[in-house]
Amino acid sequence: VQEISALIAPAVPPIAGSHGLEVAAPDGSITAPDRSAALDAALA
């Protein structure tokens, strides 16, 4: 979400990022899960 927000500023449409795992509310708050340890292991 934050990447998209920066790229399209100053436009502020609703954004669902990370294939829908993140959703930005109109007030700018972002609903998202906690990052999994498995993802960090795969990244390494």
PDB file of all heavy atoms in Angstrom:
ATOM      1  N   VAL A   1       0.823  -1.212   0.000  1.00  0.00           N
ATOM      2  CA  VAL A   1       0.000   0.000   0.000  1.00  0.00           C
ATOM      3  C   VAL A   1       0.855   1.260   0.000  1.00  0.00           C
ATOM      4  O   VAL A   1       0.602   2.208  -0.757  1.00  0.00           O
ATOM      5  CB  VAL A   1      -0.948   0.000   1.221  1.00  0.00           C
ATOM      6  CG1 VAL A   1      -1.533   1.383   1.452  1.00  0.00           C
ATOM      7  CG2 VAL A   1      -2.077  -1.005   1.011  1.00  0.00           C
ATOM      8  N   GLN A   2       1.870   1.312   0.844  1.00  0.00           N
ATOM      9  CA  GLN A   2       2.666   2.528   0.967  1.00  0.00           C
ATOM     10  C   GLN A   2       3.428   2.847  -0.312  1.00  0.00           C
ATOM     11  O   GLN A   2       3.624   4.024  -0.646  1.00  0.00           O
ATOM     12  CB  GLN A   2       3.612   2.421   2.164  1.00  0.00           C
ATOM     13  CG  GLN A   2       2.875   2.430   3.504  1.00  0.00           C
ATOM     14  CD  GLN A   2       3.795   2.388   4.700  1.00  0.00           C
ATOM     15  OE1 GLN A   2       4.950   1.990   4.606  1.00  0.00           O
ATOM     16  NE2 GLN A   2       3.281   2.802   5.855  1.00  0.00           N
ATOM     17  N   GLU A   3       3.855   1.840  -1.051  1.00  0.00           N
ATOM     18  CA  GLU A   3       4.519   2.078  -2.337  1.00  0.00           C
ATOM     19  C   GLU A   3       3.553   2.709  -3.331  1.00  0.00           C
ATOM     20  O   GLU A   3       3.892   3.674  -4.025  1.00  0.00           O
ATOM     21  CB  GLU A   3       5.067   0.769  -2.919  1.00  0.00           C
ATOM     22  CG  GLU A   3       6.394   0.345  -2.365  1.00  0.00           C
ATOM     23  CD  GLU A   3       6.960  -0.843  -3.129  1.00  0.00           C
ATOM     24  OE1 GLU A   3       6.520  -1.105  -4.277  1.00  0.00           O
ATOM     25  OE2 GLU A   3       7.843  -1.524  -2.576  1.00  0.00           O
ATOM     26  N   ILE A   4       2.359   2.149  -3.414  1.00  0.00           N
ATOM     27  CA  ILE A   4       1.366   2.688  -4.330  1.00  0.00           C
ATOM     28  C   ILE A   4       1.019   4.126  -3.946  1.00  0.00           C
ATOM     29  O   ILE A   4       0.943   5.016  -4.802  1.00  0.00           O
ATOM     30  CB  ILE A   4       0.095   1.825  -4.334  1.00  0.00           C
ATOM     31  CG1 ILE A   4       0.398   0.446  -4.918  1.00  0.00           C
ATOM     32  CG2 ILE A   4      -1.016   2.497  -5.130  1.00  0.00           C
ATOM     33  CD1 ILE A   4       0.734   0.446  -6.383  1.00  0.00           C
ATOM     34  N   SER A   5       0.807   4.368  -2.673  1.00  0.00           N
ATOM     35  CA  SER A   5       0.469   5.715  -2.203  1.00  0.00           C
ATOM     36  C   SER A   5       1.521   6.723  -2.632  1.00  0.00           C
ATOM     37  O   SER A   5       1.203   7.830  -3.084  1.00  0.00           O
ATOM     38  CB  SER A   5       0.326   5.731  -0.681  1.00  0.00           C
ATOM     39  OG  SER A   5      -0.741   4.924  -0.261  1.00  0.00           O
ATOM     40  N   ALA A   6       2.792   6.366  -2.482  1.00  0.00           N
ATOM     41  CA  ALA A   6       3.873   7.278  -2.856  1.00  0.00           C
ATOM     42  C   ALA A   6       3.922   7.507  -4.364  1.00  0.00           C
ATOM     43  O   ALA A   6       4.197   8.629  -4.820  1.00  0.00           O
ATOM     44  CB  ALA A   6       5.209   6.722  -2.363  1.00  0.00           C
ATOM     45  N   LEU A   7       3.633   6.479  -5.140  1.00  0.00           N
ATOM     46  CA  LEU A   7       3.737   6.582  -6.599  1.00  0.00           C
ATOM     47  C   LEU A   7       2.605   7.395  -7.216  1.00  0.00           C
ATOM     48  O   LEU A   7       2.791   8.002  -8.278  1.00  0.00           O
ATOM     49  CB  LEU A   7       3.771   5.186  -7.217  1.00  0.00           C
ATOM     50  CG  LEU A   7       5.077   4.414  -7.027  1.00  0.00           C
ATOM     51  CD1 LEU A   7       4.888   2.939  -7.371  1.00  0.00           C
ATOM     52  CD2 LEU A   7       6.194   5.010  -7.884  1.00  0.00           C
ATOM     53  N   ILE A   8       1.433   7.404  -6.596  1.00  0.00           N
ATOM     54  CA  ILE A   8       0.292   8.097  -7.200  1.00  0.00           C
ATOM     55  C   ILE A   8      -0.057   9.396  -6.494  1.00  0.00           C
ATOM     56  O   ILE A   8      -1.018  10.067  -6.869  1.00  0.00           O
ATOM     57  CB  ILE A   8      -0.949   7.198  -7.258  1.00  0.00           C
ATOM     58  CG1 ILE A   8      -1.425   6.828  -5.855  1.00  0.00           C
ATOM     59  CG2 ILE A   8      -0.684   5.963  -8.094  1.00  0.00           C
ATOM     60  CD1 ILE A   8      -2.733   6.056  -5.840  1.00  0.00           C
ATOM     61  N   ALA A   9       0.708   9.783  -5.466  1.00  0.00           N
ATOM     62  CA  ALA A   9       0.433  11.042  -4.760  1.00  0.00           C
ATOM     63  C   ALA A   9       0.413  12.210  -5.760  1.00  0.00           C
ATOM     64  O   ALA A   9       1.175  12.206  -6.732  1.00  0.00           O
ATOM     65  CB  ALA A   9       1.500  11.278  -3.699  1.00  0.00           C
ATOM     66  N   PRO A  10      -0.498  13.170  -5.546  1.00  0.00           N
ATOM     67  CA  PRO A  10      -1.345  13.379  -4.368  1.00  0.00           C
ATOM     68  C   PRO A  10      -2.705  12.687  -4.429  1.00  0.00           C
ATOM     69  O   PRO A  10      -3.549  12.947  -3.577  1.00  0.00           O
ATOM     70  CB  PRO A  10      -1.525  14.888  -4.352  1.00  0.00           C
ATOM     71  CG  PRO A  10      -1.544  15.260  -5.795  1.00  0.00           C
ATOM     72  CD  PRO A  10      -0.565  14.324  -6.458  1.00  0.00           C
ATOM     73  N   ALA A  11      -2.967  11.857  -5.443  1.00  0.00           N
ATOM     74  CA  ALA A  11      -4.236  11.124  -5.487  1.00  0.00           C
ATOM     75  C   ALA A  11      -4.312  10.184  -4.283  1.00  0.00           C
ATOM     76  O   ALA A  11      -3.308   9.599  -3.882  1.00  0.00           O
ATOM     77  CB  ALA A  11      -4.357  10.330  -6.782  1.00  0.00           C
ATOM     78  N   VAL A  12      -5.521  10.037  -3.731  1.00  0.00           N
ATOM     79  CA  VAL A  12      -5.675   9.185  -2.544  1.00  0.00           C
ATOM     80  C   VAL A  12      -6.885   8.256  -2.688  1.00  0.00           C
ATOM     81  O   VAL A  12      -7.793   8.282  -1.856  1.00  0.00           O
ATOM     82  CB  VAL A  12      -5.792  10.030  -1.252  1.00  0.00           C
ATOM     83  CG1 VAL A  12      -4.468  10.604  -0.861  1.00  0.00           C
ATOM     84  CG2 VAL A  12      -6.828  11.139  -1.427  1.00  0.00           C
ATOM     85  N   PRO A  13      -6.927   7.415  -3.718  1.00  0.00           N
ATOM     86  CA  PRO A  13      -8.023   6.463  -3.814  1.00  0.00           C
ATOM     87  C   PRO A  13      -7.824   5.328  -2.813  1.00  0.00           C
ATOM     88  O   PRO A  13      -6.720   5.142  -2.282  1.00  0.00           O
ATOM     89  CB  PRO A  13      -7.888   5.931  -5.246  1.00  0.00           C
ATOM     90  CG  PRO A  13      -6.421   5.995  -5.515  1.00  0.00           C
ATOM     91  CD  PRO A  13      -5.957   7.248  -4.807  1.00  0.00           C
ATOM     92  N   PRO A  14      -8.867   4.556  -2.535  1.00  0.00           N
ATOM     93  CA  PRO A  14      -8.685   3.352  -1.722  1.00  0.00           C
ATOM     94  C   PRO A  14      -7.669   2.423  -2.395  1.00  0.00           C
ATOM     95  O   PRO A  14      -7.614   2.339  -3.624  1.00  0.00           O
ATOM     96  CB  PRO A  14     -10.075   2.718  -1.703  1.00  0.00           C
ATOM     97  CG  PRO A  14     -11.012   3.848  -1.993  1.00  0.00           C
ATOM     98  CD  PRO A  14     -10.274   4.751  -2.929  1.00  0.00           C
ATOM     99  N   ILE A  15      -6.863   1.755  -1.592  1.00  0.00           N
ATOM    100  CA  ILE A  15      -5.829   0.864  -2.115  1.00  0.00           C
ATOM    101  C   ILE A  15      -5.867  -0.462  -1.378  1.00  0.00           C
ATOM    102  O   ILE A  15      -5.885  -0.503  -0.148  1.00  0.00           O
ATOM    103  CB  ILE A  15      -4.422   1.476  -1.950  1.00  0.00           C
ATOM    104  CG1 ILE A  15      -4.316   2.826  -2.682  1.00  0.00           C
ATOM    105  CG2 ILE A  15      -3.352   0.518  -2.465  1.00  0.00           C
ATOM    106  CD1 ILE A  15      -3.034   3.576  -2.361  1.00  0.00           C
ATOM    107  N   ALA A  16      -5.884  -1.551  -2.140  1.00  0.00           N
ATOM    108  CA  ALA A  16      -5.659  -2.889  -1.597  1.00  0.00           C
ATOM    109  C   ALA A  16      -4.302  -3.334  -2.122  1.00  0.00           C
ATOM    110  O   ALA A  16      -4.114  -3.470  -3.331  1.00  0.00           O
ATOM    111  CB  ALA A  16      -6.754  -3.852  -2.032  1.00  0.00           C
ATOM    112  N   GLY A  17      -3.346  -3.509  -1.229  1.00  0.00           N
ATOM    113  CA  GLY A  17      -1.999  -3.877  -1.630  1.00  0.00           C
ATOM    114  C   GLY A  17      -1.662  -5.303  -1.251  1.00  0.00           C
ATOM    115  O   GLY A  17      -2.435  -5.993  -0.581  1.00  0.00           O
ATOM    116  N   SER A  18      -0.462  -5.739  -1.686  1.00  0.00           N
ATOM    117  CA  SER A  18       0.017  -7.092  -1.368  1.00  0.00           C
ATOM    118  C   SER A  18      -1.021  -8.140  -1.739  1.00  0.00           C
ATOM    119  O   SER A  18      -1.312  -9.049  -0.972  1.00  0.00           O
ATOM    120  CB  SER A  18       0.387  -7.194   0.123  1.00  0.00           C
ATOM    121  OG  SER A  18       1.399  -6.266   0.449  1.00  0.00           O
ATOM    122  N   HIS A  19      -1.602  -7.995  -2.937  1.00  0.00           N
ATOM    123  CA  HIS A  19      -2.621  -8.932  -3.436  1.00  0.00           C
ATOM    124  C   HIS A  19      -3.818  -9.036  -2.491  1.00  0.00           C
ATOM    125  O   HIS A  19      -4.404 -10.105  -2.331  1.00  0.00           O
ATOM    126  CB  HIS A  19      -2.017 -10.316  -3.681  1.00  0.00           C
ATOM    127  CG  HIS A  19      -0.917 -10.315  -4.703  1.00  0.00           C
ATOM    128  ND1 HIS A  19      -1.166 -10.338  -6.052  1.00  0.00           N
ATOM    129  CD2 HIS A  19       0.432 -10.255  -4.571  1.00  0.00           C
ATOM    130  CE1 HIS A  19      -0.003 -10.308  -6.712  1.00  0.00           C
ATOM    131  NE2 HIS A  19       0.965 -10.261  -5.827  1.00  0.00           N
ATOM    132  N   GLY A  20      -4.172  -7.924  -1.867  1.00  0.00           N
ATOM    133  CA  GLY A  20      -5.360  -7.902  -1.018  1.00  0.00           C
ATOM    134  C   GLY A  20      -5.108  -8.152   0.451  1.00  0.00           C
ATOM    135  O   GLY A  20      -6.026  -8.017   1.262  1.00  0.00           O
ATOM    136  N   LEU A  21      -3.871  -8.482   0.819  1.00  0.00           N
ATOM    137  CA  LEU A  21      -3.582  -8.721   2.236  1.00  0.00           C
ATOM    138  C   LEU A  21      -3.586  -7.423   3.037  1.00  0.00           C
ATOM    139  O   LEU A  21      -3.843  -7.426   4.243  1.00  0.00           O
ATOM    140  CB  LEU A  21      -2.235  -9.428   2.395  1.00  0.00           C
ATOM    141  CG  LEU A  21      -2.227 -10.924   2.053  1.00  0.00           C
ATOM    142  CD1 LEU A  21      -0.806 -11.446   2.016  1.00  0.00           C
ATOM    143  CD2 LEU A  21      -3.051 -11.712   3.059  1.00  0.00           C
ATOM    144  N   GLU A  22      -3.269  -6.313   2.370  1.00  0.00           N
ATOM    145  CA  GLU A  22      -3.320  -4.997   3.019  1.00  0.00           C
ATOM    146  C   GLU A  22      -4.478  -4.204   2.427  1.00  0.00           C
ATOM    147  O   GLU A  22      -4.644  -4.177   1.207  1.00  0.00           O
ATOM    148  CB  GLU A  22      -2.059  -4.195   2.741  1.00  0.00           C
ATOM    149  CG  GLU A  22      -0.762  -4.765   3.220  1.00  0.00           C
ATOM    150  CD  GLU A  22       0.368  -3.840   2.811  1.00  0.00           C
ATOM    151  OE1 GLU A  22       0.798  -3.894   1.651  1.00  0.00           O
ATOM    152  OE2 GLU A  22       0.812  -3.048   3.664  1.00  0.00           O
ATOM    153  N   VAL A  23      -5.247  -3.535   3.259  1.00  0.00           N
ATOM    154  CA  VAL A  23      -6.311  -2.656   2.779  1.00  0.00           C
ATOM    155  C   VAL A  23      -6.217  -1.337   3.532  1.00  0.00           C
ATOM    156  O   VAL A  23      -6.243  -1.314   4.764  1.00  0.00           O
ATOM    157  CB  VAL A  23      -7.702  -3.282   2.970  1.00  0.00           C
ATOM    158  CG1 VAL A  23      -8.779  -2.317   2.488  1.00  0.00           C
ATOM    159  CG2 VAL A  23      -7.806  -4.605   2.217  1.00  0.00           C
ATOM    160  N   ALA A  24      -6.095  -0.236   2.775  1.00  0.00           N
ATOM    161  CA  ALA A  24      -5.994   1.090   3.380  1.00  0.00           C
ATOM    162  C   ALA A  24      -7.381   1.691   3.529  1.00  0.00           C
ATOM    163  O   ALA A  24      -8.146   1.779   2.566  1.00  0.00           O
ATOM    164  CB  ALA A  24      -5.117   1.988   2.518  1.00  0.00           C
ATOM    165  N   ALA A  25      -7.712   2.111   4.730  1.00  0.00           N
ATOM    166  CA  ALA A  25      -8.993   2.756   5.012  1.00  0.00           C
ATOM    167  C   ALA A  25      -8.930   4.223   4.601  1.00  0.00           C
ATOM    168  O   ALA A  25      -7.849   4.781   4.401  1.00  0.00           O
ATOM    169  CB  ALA A  25      -9.310   2.638   6.500  1.00  0.00           C
ATOM    170  N   PRO A  26     -10.095   4.874   4.455  1.00  0.00           N
ATOM    171  CA  PRO A  26     -10.110   6.294   4.063  1.00  0.00           C
ATOM    172  C   PRO A  26      -9.303   7.202   4.997  1.00  0.00           C
ATOM    173  O   PRO A  26      -8.794   8.229   4.568  1.00  0.00           O
ATOM    174  CB  PRO A  26     -11.604   6.649   4.100  1.00  0.00           C
ATOM    175  CG  PRO A  26     -12.299   5.356   3.843  1.00  0.00           C
ATOM    176  CD  PRO A  26     -11.457   4.317   4.512  1.00  0.00           C
ATOM    177  N   ASP A  27      -9.181   6.818   6.266  1.00  0.00           N
ATOM    178  CA  ASP A  27      -8.430   7.657   7.200  1.00  0.00           C
ATOM    179  C   ASP A  27      -6.922   7.413   7.139  1.00  0.00           C
ATOM    180  O   ASP A  27      -6.142   7.994   7.903  1.00  0.00           O
ATOM    181  CB  ASP A  27      -8.919   7.451   8.634  1.00  0.00           C
ATOM    182  CG  ASP A  27      -8.688   6.017   9.137  1.00  0.00           C
ATOM    183  OD1 ASP A  27      -8.110   5.198   8.402  1.00  0.00           O
ATOM    184  OD2 ASP A  27      -9.096   5.722  10.275  1.00  0.00           O
ATOM    185  N   GLY A  28      -6.499   6.529   6.218  1.00  0.00           N
ATOM    186  CA  GLY A  28      -5.080   6.258   6.056  1.00  0.00           C
ATOM    187  C   GLY A  28      -4.577   5.067   6.834  1.00  0.00           C
ATOM    188  O   GLY A  28      -3.437   4.613   6.625  1.00  0.00           O
ATOM    189  N   SER A  29      -5.363   4.542   7.745  1.00  0.00           N
ATOM    190  CA  SER A  29      -4.940   3.354   8.501  1.00  0.00           C
ATOM    191  C   SER A  29      -4.954   2.132   7.592  1.00  0.00           C
ATOM    192  O   SER A  29      -5.725   2.055   6.644  1.00  0.00           O
ATOM    193  CB  SER A  29      -5.860   3.129   9.695  1.00  0.00           C
ATOM    194  OG  SER A  29      -7.193   2.883   9.268  1.00  0.00           O
ATOM    195  N   ILE A  30      -4.073   1.190   7.890  1.00  0.00           N
ATOM    196  CA  ILE A  30      -3.923  -0.001   7.054  1.00  0.00           C
ATOM    197  C   ILE A  30      -4.235  -1.245   7.877  1.00  0.00           C
ATOM    198  O   ILE A  30      -3.658  -1.453   8.950  1.00  0.00           O
ATOM    199  CB  ILE A  30      -2.501  -0.108   6.480  1.00  0.00           C
ATOM    200  CG1 ILE A  30      -2.203   1.112   5.589  1.00  0.00           C
ATOM    201  CG2 ILE A  30      -2.333  -1.393   5.682  1.00  0.00           C
ATOM    202  CD1 ILE A  30      -0.776   1.174   5.106  1.00  0.00           C
ATOM    203  N   THR A  31      -5.155  -2.056   7.366  1.00  0.00           N
ATOM    204  CA  THR A  31      -5.472  -3.332   7.999  1.00  0.00           C
ATOM    205  C   THR A  31      -4.635  -4.416   7.331  1.00  0.00           C
ATOM    206  O   THR A  31      -4.666  -4.563   6.110  1.00  0.00           O
ATOM    207  CB  THR A  31      -6.967  -3.664   7.840  1.00  0.00           C
ATOM    208  OG1 THR A  31      -7.743  -2.621   8.428  1.00  0.00           O
ATOM    209  CG2 THR A  31      -7.291  -4.989   8.512  1.00  0.00           C
ATOM    210  N   ALA A  32      -3.875  -5.153   8.124  1.00  0.00           N
ATOM    211  CA  ALA A  32      -2.986  -6.165   7.560  1.00  0.00           C
ATOM    212  C   ALA A  32      -2.656  -7.207   8.624  1.00  0.00           C
ATOM    213  O   ALA A  32      -2.694  -6.916   9.826  1.00  0.00           O
ATOM    214  CB  ALA A  32      -1.700  -5.519   7.050  1.00  0.00           C
ATOM    215  N   PRO A  33      -2.292  -8.412   8.219  1.00  0.00           N
ATOM    216  CA  PRO A  33      -1.905  -9.449   9.180  1.00  0.00           C
ATOM    217  C   PRO A  33      -0.469  -9.240   9.653  1.00  0.00           C
ATOM    218  O   PRO A  33       0.263  -8.392   9.125  1.00  0.00           O
ATOM    219  CB  PRO A  33      -2.026 -10.736   8.355  1.00  0.00           C
ATOM    220  CG  PRO A  33      -1.708 -10.298   6.962  1.00  0.00           C
ATOM    221  CD  PRO A  33      -2.278  -8.913   6.827  1.00  0.00           C
ATOM    222  N   ASP A  34      -0.055 -10.006  10.629  1.00  0.00           N
ATOM    223  CA  ASP A  34       1.345 -10.011  11.045  1.00  0.00           C
ATOM    224  C   ASP A  34       2.163 -10.798  10.017  1.00  0.00           C
ATOM    225  O   ASP A  34       1.697 -11.785   9.454  1.00  0.00           O
ATOM    226  CB  ASP A  34       1.494 -10.670  12.418  1.00  0.00           C
ATOM    227  CG  ASP A  34       0.847  -9.850  13.527  1.00  0.00           C
ATOM    228  OD1 ASP A  34       0.819  -8.605  13.402  1.00  0.00           O
ATOM    229  OD2 ASP A  34       0.360 -10.464  14.495  1.00  0.00           O
ATOM    230  N   ARG A  35       3.379 -10.364   9.798  1.00  0.00           N
ATOM    231  CA  ARG A  35       4.265 -11.069   8.879  1.00  0.00           C
ATOM    232  C   ARG A  35       4.702 -12.394   9.499  1.00  0.00           C
ATOM    233  O   ARG A  35       5.036 -12.455  10.692  1.00  0.00           O
ATOM    234  CB  ARG A  35       5.479 -10.201   8.567  1.00  0.00           C
ATOM    235  CG  ARG A  35       6.480 -10.833   7.578  1.00  0.00           C
ATOM    236  CD  ARG A  35       7.647  -9.901   7.359  1.00  0.00           C
ATOM    237  NE  ARG A  35       8.726 -10.515   6.585  1.00  0.00           N
ATOM    238  CZ  ARG A  35       8.970 -10.270   5.306  1.00  0.00           C
ATOM    239  NH1 ARG A  35       8.221  -9.398   4.653  1.00  0.00           N
ATOM    240  NH2 ARG A  35       9.970 -10.872   4.679  1.00  0.00           N
ATOM    241  N   SER A  36       4.716 -13.438   8.693  1.00  0.00           N
ATOM    242  CA  SER A  36       5.047 -14.763   9.214  1.00  0.00           C
ATOM    243  C   SER A  36       6.552 -15.007   9.204  1.00  0.00           C
ATOM    244  O   SER A  36       7.284 -14.502   8.343  1.00  0.00           O
ATOM    245  CB  SER A  36       4.358 -15.849   8.386  1.00  0.00           C
ATOM    246  OG  SER A  36       4.951 -15.949   7.103  1.00  0.00           O
ATOM    247  N   ALA A  37       7.010 -15.802  10.167  1.00  0.00           N
ATOM    248  CA  ALA A  37       8.424 -16.178  10.224  1.00  0.00           C
ATOM    249  C   ALA A  37       8.804 -17.021   9.010  1.00  0.00           C
ATOM    250  O   ALA A  37       9.952 -16.984   8.542  1.00  0.00           O
ATOM    251  CB  ALA A  37       8.704 -16.953  11.514  1.00  0.00           C
ATOM    252  N   ALA A  38       7.849 -17.779   8.477  1.00  0.00           N
ATOM    253  CA  ALA A  38       8.117 -18.608   7.301  1.00  0.00           C
ATOM    254  C   ALA A  38       8.527 -17.751   6.112  1.00  0.00           C
ATOM    255  O   ALA A  38       9.382 -18.141   5.306  1.00  0.00           O
ATOM    256  CB  ALA A  38       6.879 -19.430   6.953  1.00  0.00           C
ATOM    257  N   LEU A  39       7.932 -16.573   6.000  1.00  0.00           N
ATOM    258  CA  LEU A  39       8.277 -15.678   4.897  1.00  0.00           C
ATOM    259  C   LEU A  39       9.721 -15.198   5.021  1.00  0.00           C
ATOM    260  O   LEU A  39      10.450 -15.117   4.023  1.00  0.00           O
ATOM    261  CB  LEU A  39       7.313 -14.497   4.886  1.00  0.00           C
ATOM    262  CG  LEU A  39       7.224 -13.692   3.588  1.00  0.00           C
ATOM    263  CD1 LEU A  39       6.759 -14.559   2.438  1.00  0.00           C
ATOM    264  CD2 LEU A  39       6.265 -12.522   3.777  1.00  0.00           C
ATOM    265  N   ASP A  40      10.142 -14.892   6.239  1.00  0.00           N
ATOM    266  CA  ASP A  40      11.529 -14.463   6.451  1.00  0.00           C
ATOM    267  C   ASP A  40      12.513 -15.588   6.105  1.00  0.00           C
ATOM    268  O   ASP A  40      13.578 -15.334   5.534  1.00  0.00           O
ATOM    269  CB  ASP A  40      11.730 -14.028   7.905  1.00  0.00           C
ATOM    270  CG  ASP A  40      11.008 -12.731   8.220  1.00  0.00           C
ATOM    271  OD1 ASP A  40      10.908 -11.871   7.315  1.00  0.00           O
ATOM    272  OD2 ASP A  40      10.537 -12.583   9.370  1.00  0.00           O
ATOM    273  N   ALA A  41      12.143 -16.817   6.431  1.00  0.00           N
ATOM    274  CA  ALA A  41      13.014 -17.948   6.097  1.00  0.00           C
ATOM    275  C   ALA A  41      13.117 -18.122   4.583  1.00  0.00           C
ATOM    276  O   ALA A  41      14.213 -18.348   4.039  1.00  0.00           O
ATOM    277  CB  ALA A  41      12.469 -19.223   6.745  1.00  0.00           C
ATOM    278  N   ALA A  42      11.996 -17.998   3.895  1.00  0.00           N
ATOM    279  CA  ALA A  42      12.005 -18.107   2.430  1.00  0.00           C
ATOM    280  C   ALA A  42      12.803 -16.971   1.808  1.00  0.00           C
ATOM    281  O   ALA A  42      13.528 -17.172   0.822  1.00  0.00           O
ATOM    282  CB  ALA A  42      10.576 -18.112   1.909  1.00  0.00           C
ATOM    283  N   LEU A  43      12.680 -15.774   2.363  1.00  0.00           N
ATOM    284  CA  LEU A  43      13.430 -14.623   1.858  1.00  0.00           C
ATOM    285  C   LEU A  43      14.937 -14.873   1.935  1.00  0.00           C
ATOM    286  O   LEU A  43      15.672 -14.608   0.966  1.00  0.00           O
ATOM    287  CB  LEU A  43      13.072 -13.377   2.678  1.00  0.00           C
ATOM    288  CG  LEU A  43      13.898 -12.116   2.414  1.00  0.00           C
ATOM    289  CD1 LEU A  43      13.684 -11.624   0.983  1.00  0.00           C
ATOM    290  CD2 LEU A  43      13.537 -11.020   3.419  1.00  0.00           C
ATOM    291  N   ALA A  44      15.405 -15.408   3.044  1.00  0.00           N
ATOM    292  CA  ALA A  44      16.836 -15.660   3.210  1.00  0.00           C
ATOM    293  C   ALA A  44      17.341 -16.662   2.172  1.00  0.00           C
ATOM    294  O   ALA A  44      18.420 -16.478   1.578  1.00  0.00           O
ATOM    295  CB  ALA A  44      17.113 -16.166   4.626  1.00  0.00           C
TER     296      ALA A  44
END
